[in-house]
Amino acid sequence: MNSALPAPAALAASGLVKRYGELVALAGVDVAIRAGESVAVMGASGSGKTTLLHCLAAVLAPDAGSVRLWVPGGAPLELVGMSEDERSAVRRTHLGFVFQDHLLLPELTALENAALPLLLLGHPRGSAEAHAQAWLAALGLAGMEDRRIGQLSGGQAQRVAIARAQVTGAPIVFADEPTGSLDSTTSSEVLVALLRATTGQGRSLVVVTHDPDVAARCDRVLHMRDGRIVGESLREAAPQFAEGAR
């Protein structure tokens, strides 16, 4: 008999509704993300997958519903009802983000980009850059710290974005089409790096993707249509879910 404890919740949402005028982008979505798991969200354009990611990540406030985030050593945070300043503080402290076009600052070096979240949180520059340098090295970018973003390949720039997303120790990383602008070989390399930096460290990853190869590497795949989750597929040996504080 398997006596392993079920994984606790990292994030749980219920009854999420989001409208843009007459368009219903989310129509009562329930979803839970386990600690340490990877979840892919797939669906056609307009299915609601990016809106779901933005509501889970405290970027957008839903019109109705609840989003609870479990933070290490603390009580769960209810994100719905927070002010924009409060949501911004949650994003800076507890969440990481990787975007399709990385959204790095071209005037900064790789090291400065990776260290930026820690600097914004008030960490001394020396310790922030030392931590960022360790992440860049772990992602295969040792020796490239002083290069500006325009001097890096697409895959290298995306790994800088992964370092930036993880430098604060964020327990959950959200990725929106992180391999969408990369060729197949580079896409595979970036995905491996992203998984090692998140679930490989016991953290959670939520990724919106059109790429079935990306989805196949995740523990679960949620399929969306017309603002609803209409199906779910599990990778073999994915952990069982039990909601609870961490």
Protein backbone atom coordinates (compact mmCIF):
# COMPACT_ATOMS: atom_id res chain seq x y z
CA MET A 1 0.00 0.00 0.00
CA ASN A 2 1.25 3.48 -0.85
CA SER A 3 1.63 5.39 2.40
CA ALA A 4 2.91 8.61 0.82
CA LEU A 5 1.11 11.71 2.04
CA PRO A 6 -0.89 13.61 -0.60
CA ALA A 7 0.63 16.87 -1.78
CA PRO A 8 -0.81 19.97 -0.07
CA ALA A 9 -2.36 22.85 -1.95
CA ALA A 10 -0.26 25.68 -3.26
CA LEU A 11 -3.17 27.55 -4.87
CA ALA A 12 -6.91 26.92 -5.03
CA ALA A 13 -9.57 28.81 -6.95
CA SER A 14 -13.33 28.33 -7.01
CA GLY A 15 -16.16 29.83 -9.02
CA LEU A 16 -13.96 32.18 -11.05
CA VAL A 17 -15.95 34.47 -13.34
CA LYS A 18 -14.43 37.15 -15.56
CA ARG A 19 -16.30 39.22 -18.13
CA TYR A 20 -15.16 41.73 -20.71
CA GLY A 21 -18.39 43.51 -21.56
CA GLU A 22 -20.69 40.89 -23.06
CA LEU A 23 -17.86 38.37 -23.42
CA VAL A 24 -17.61 35.81 -20.64
CA ALA A 25 -13.94 34.85 -20.48
CA LEU A 26 -14.30 32.64 -17.39
CA ALA A 27 -17.60 30.99 -16.55
CA GLY A 28 -17.26 29.60 -13.02
CA VAL A 29 -13.87 27.86 -13.05
CA ASP A 30 -12.66 25.66 -10.17
CA VAL A 31 -9.00 24.62 -10.09
CA ALA A 32 -6.40 23.59 -7.53
CA ILE A 33 -2.63 23.49 -7.91
CA ARG A 34 -0.62 21.12 -5.73
CA ALA A 35 2.68 22.02 -4.16
CA GLY A 36 5.50 20.83 -6.40
CA GLU A 37 3.44 19.93 -9.46
CA SER A 38 3.41 21.20 -13.02
CA VAL A 39 0.08 22.00 -14.69
CA ALA A 40 -0.40 22.87 -18.35
CA VAL A 41 -3.46 24.81 -19.52
CA MET A 42 -4.46 24.24 -23.13
CA GLY A 43 -7.26 25.41 -25.38
CA ALA A 44 -8.03 27.31 -28.55
CA SER A 45 -7.49 31.06 -28.75
CA GLY A 46 -10.29 32.74 -26.81
CA SER A 47 -10.94 29.71 -24.60
CA GLY A 48 -10.01 31.65 -21.44
CA LYS A 49 -6.67 30.06 -20.60
CA THR A 50 -4.64 33.28 -20.37
CA THR A 51 -7.41 35.01 -18.41
CA LEU A 52 -7.39 32.07 -15.99
CA LEU A 53 -3.62 32.34 -15.57
CA HIS A 54 -3.89 36.09 -14.93
CA CYS A 55 -6.60 35.63 -12.30
CA LEU A 56 -4.66 32.87 -10.54
CA ALA A 57 -1.51 35.03 -10.62
CA ALA A 58 -3.17 38.13 -9.10
CA VAL A 59 -2.67 40.09 -12.32
CA LEU A 60 -6.42 40.41 -12.91
CA ALA A 61 -9.20 40.60 -10.35
CA PRO A 62 -12.06 38.24 -11.26
CA ASP A 63 -15.64 39.49 -11.16
CA ALA A 64 -16.61 36.64 -8.83
CA GLY A 65 -15.01 33.70 -7.11
CA SER A 66 -12.15 32.98 -4.74
CA VAL A 67 -8.38 32.50 -5.16
CA ARG A 68 -6.41 31.29 -2.15
CA LEU A 69 -2.62 31.17 -2.09
CA TRP A 70 -0.74 29.15 0.53
CA VAL A 71 2.54 30.80 1.47
CA PRO A 72 5.33 28.99 3.32
CA GLY A 73 4.92 29.33 7.07
CA GLY A 74 1.77 31.43 6.84
CA ALA A 75 -2.00 31.34 6.61
CA PRO A 76 -3.58 31.16 3.15
CA LEU A 77 -4.01 34.51 1.43
CA GLU A 78 -7.32 35.36 -0.25
CA LEU A 79 -6.31 37.24 -3.39
CA VAL A 80 -9.80 38.29 -4.47
CA GLY A 81 -10.72 41.56 -2.82
CA MET A 82 -7.14 42.79 -2.51
CA SER A 83 -6.22 46.22 -3.81
CA GLU A 84 -3.89 46.52 -6.80
CA ASP A 85 -1.05 47.48 -4.46
CA GLU A 86 -1.69 44.40 -2.32
CA ARG A 87 -1.82 42.14 -5.37
CA SER A 88 1.40 43.70 -6.65
CA ALA A 89 3.10 42.92 -3.34
CA VAL A 90 1.94 39.29 -3.57
CA ARG A 91 3.29 39.00 -7.12
CA ARG A 92 6.67 40.44 -6.14
CA THR A 93 7.06 38.28 -3.04
CA HIS A 94 5.38 34.95 -3.71
CA LEU A 95 4.99 34.48 -7.48
CA GLY A 96 7.31 34.20 -10.47
CA PHE A 97 6.56 34.88 -14.14
CA VAL A 98 8.01 33.73 -17.47
CA PHE A 99 6.53 35.17 -20.67
CA GLN A 100 6.76 34.17 -24.34
CA ASP A 101 8.92 37.20 -25.19
CA HIS A 102 10.70 37.12 -21.80
CA LEU A 103 10.04 40.87 -21.17
CA LEU A 104 13.57 41.46 -19.95
CA LEU A 105 15.00 44.99 -19.82
CA PRO A 106 17.37 45.36 -22.80
CA GLU A 107 19.42 48.12 -21.18
CA LEU A 108 20.36 45.83 -18.27
CA THR A 109 22.77 42.90 -18.25
CA ALA A 110 21.67 39.31 -17.72
CA LEU A 111 22.84 39.55 -14.10
CA GLU A 112 21.01 42.82 -13.48
CA ASN A 113 17.80 41.44 -15.00
CA ALA A 114 17.95 38.30 -12.88
CA ALA A 115 18.71 40.26 -9.70
CA LEU A 116 15.99 42.88 -10.27
CA PRO A 117 13.18 41.21 -8.23
CA LEU A 118 15.43 41.01 -5.17
CA LEU A 119 16.52 44.63 -5.60
CA LEU A 120 12.87 45.71 -5.81
CA LEU A 121 12.27 43.89 -2.52
CA GLY A 122 15.04 45.90 -0.89
CA HIS A 123 17.85 43.34 -0.81
CA PRO A 124 21.42 44.72 -0.86
CA ARG A 125 22.86 44.75 -4.37
CA GLY A 126 25.77 42.47 -3.47
CA SER A 127 23.64 39.67 -2.07
CA ALA A 128 20.99 40.08 -4.78
CA GLU A 129 23.55 39.76 -7.56
CA ALA A 130 25.30 36.84 -5.85
CA HIS A 131 22.01 34.96 -5.66
CA ALA A 132 21.16 35.85 -9.25
CA GLN A 133 24.60 34.72 -10.40
CA ALA A 134 24.07 31.34 -8.75
CA TRP A 135 20.78 30.91 -10.60
CA LEU A 136 22.30 31.92 -13.93
CA ALA A 137 25.08 29.38 -13.42
CA ALA A 138 22.56 26.68 -12.53
CA LEU A 139 20.75 27.43 -15.79
CA GLY A 140 23.91 27.12 -17.90
CA LEU A 141 24.67 30.83 -18.25
CA ALA A 142 27.91 31.09 -16.27
CA GLY A 143 30.21 33.60 -17.95
CA MET A 144 27.30 35.45 -19.61
CA GLU A 145 26.35 37.61 -16.64
CA ASP A 146 27.58 40.86 -18.22
CA ARG A 147 25.93 40.37 -21.60
CA ARG A 148 22.96 42.54 -22.45
CA ILE A 149 19.81 40.83 -23.64
CA GLY A 150 20.45 41.67 -27.29
CA GLN A 151 23.71 39.73 -27.06
CA LEU A 152 21.94 36.51 -26.04
CA SER A 153 20.12 33.91 -28.12
CA GLY A 154 16.39 33.46 -27.63
CA GLY A 155 16.92 30.38 -25.49
CA GLN A 156 19.57 32.10 -23.37
CA ALA A 157 17.31 35.10 -22.82
CA GLN A 158 14.48 32.83 -21.75
CA ARG A 159 16.76 31.17 -19.21
CA VAL A 160 17.57 34.61 -17.80
CA ALA A 161 13.80 35.07 -17.47
CA ILE A 162 13.59 31.75 -15.59
CA ALA A 163 16.36 32.91 -13.23
CA ARG A 164 14.46 36.16 -12.65
CA ALA A 165 11.28 34.21 -11.90
CA GLN A 166 12.97 32.01 -9.31
CA VAL A 167 15.49 34.32 -7.68
CA THR A 168 13.09 35.26 -4.85
CA GLY A 169 12.27 31.62 -4.10
CA ALA A 170 8.69 32.06 -5.32
CA PRO A 171 6.71 28.87 -4.56
CA ILE A 172 4.67 29.18 -7.78
CA VAL A 173 5.81 30.20 -11.26
CA PHE A 174 3.37 31.13 -14.03
CA ALA A 175 4.56 30.76 -17.62
CA ASP A 176 2.60 32.08 -20.62
CA GLU A 177 3.72 30.32 -23.83
CA PRO A 178 7.35 30.24 -22.57
CA THR A 179 8.56 28.30 -25.62
CA GLY A 180 6.24 29.83 -28.19
CA SER A 181 8.90 31.87 -29.99
CA LEU A 182 11.64 29.22 -29.92
CA ASP A 183 12.64 26.48 -32.37
CA SER A 184 11.95 22.89 -31.33
CA THR A 185 15.44 22.12 -30.03
CA THR A 186 15.73 25.32 -28.01
CA SER A 187 12.14 24.87 -26.80
CA SER A 188 13.02 21.48 -25.35
CA GLU A 189 16.12 22.87 -23.63
CA VAL A 190 14.21 25.78 -22.11
CA LEU A 191 11.41 23.50 -20.91
CA VAL A 192 13.91 21.20 -19.19
CA ALA A 193 15.49 24.24 -17.51
CA LEU A 194 12.10 25.56 -16.44
CA LEU A 195 11.02 22.26 -14.91
CA ARG A 196 14.33 21.82 -13.09
CA ALA A 197 14.06 25.34 -11.67
CA THR A 198 10.47 24.84 -10.47
CA THR A 199 9.18 21.34 -9.79
CA GLY A 200 12.78 20.14 -9.52
CA GLN A 201 13.05 22.46 -6.50
CA GLY A 202 9.70 21.45 -5.02
CA ARG A 203 7.88 24.46 -6.46
CA SER A 204 4.77 24.61 -8.61
CA LEU A 205 4.52 25.55 -12.29
CA VAL A 206 1.41 26.65 -14.18
CA VAL A 207 2.03 26.99 -17.92
CA VAL A 208 -0.29 28.13 -20.70
CA THR A 209 0.75 26.48 -23.95
CA HIS A 210 -0.40 25.47 -27.42
CA ASP A 211 2.44 22.96 -27.67
CA PRO A 212 1.44 19.34 -26.94
CA ASP A 213 5.10 18.46 -26.32
CA VAL A 214 5.25 21.02 -23.51
CA ALA A 215 1.96 19.78 -22.06
CA ALA A 216 3.14 16.17 -22.18
CA ARG A 217 5.99 17.00 -19.80
CA CYS A 218 3.60 18.35 -17.14
CA ASP A 219 1.95 16.37 -14.36
CA ARG A 220 -1.54 17.49 -15.37
CA VAL A 221 -3.14 19.09 -18.41
CA LEU A 222 -6.31 21.18 -18.10
CA HIS A 223 -8.31 21.59 -21.32
CA MET A 224 -10.37 24.77 -21.67
CA ARG A 225 -13.21 25.76 -23.97
CA ASP A 226 -15.58 28.74 -23.77
CA GLY A 227 -14.31 29.86 -20.39
CA ARG A 228 -14.61 26.48 -18.70
CA ILE A 229 -12.34 23.54 -17.91
CA VAL A 230 -13.86 20.78 -20.00
CA GLY A 231 -11.31 18.03 -19.43
CA GLU A 232 -8.23 17.01 -17.50
CA SER A 233 -5.52 14.47 -18.23
CA LEU A 234 -2.92 13.16 -15.80
CA ARG A 235 0.59 12.01 -16.38
CA GLU A 236 1.20 8.61 -14.86
CA ALA A 237 2.29 8.70 -11.19
CA ALA A 238 1.18 12.29 -10.64
CA PRO A 239 0.63 12.91 -6.88
CA GLN A 240 -2.83 12.89 -5.32
CA PHE A 241 -4.29 16.19 -4.15
CA ALA A 242 -5.29 17.20 -0.66
CA GLU A 243 -6.04 20.82 0.06
CA GLY A 244 -4.43 22.30 3.12
CA ALA A 245 -1.98 24.76 4.53
CA ARG A 246 1.67 24.19 3.80
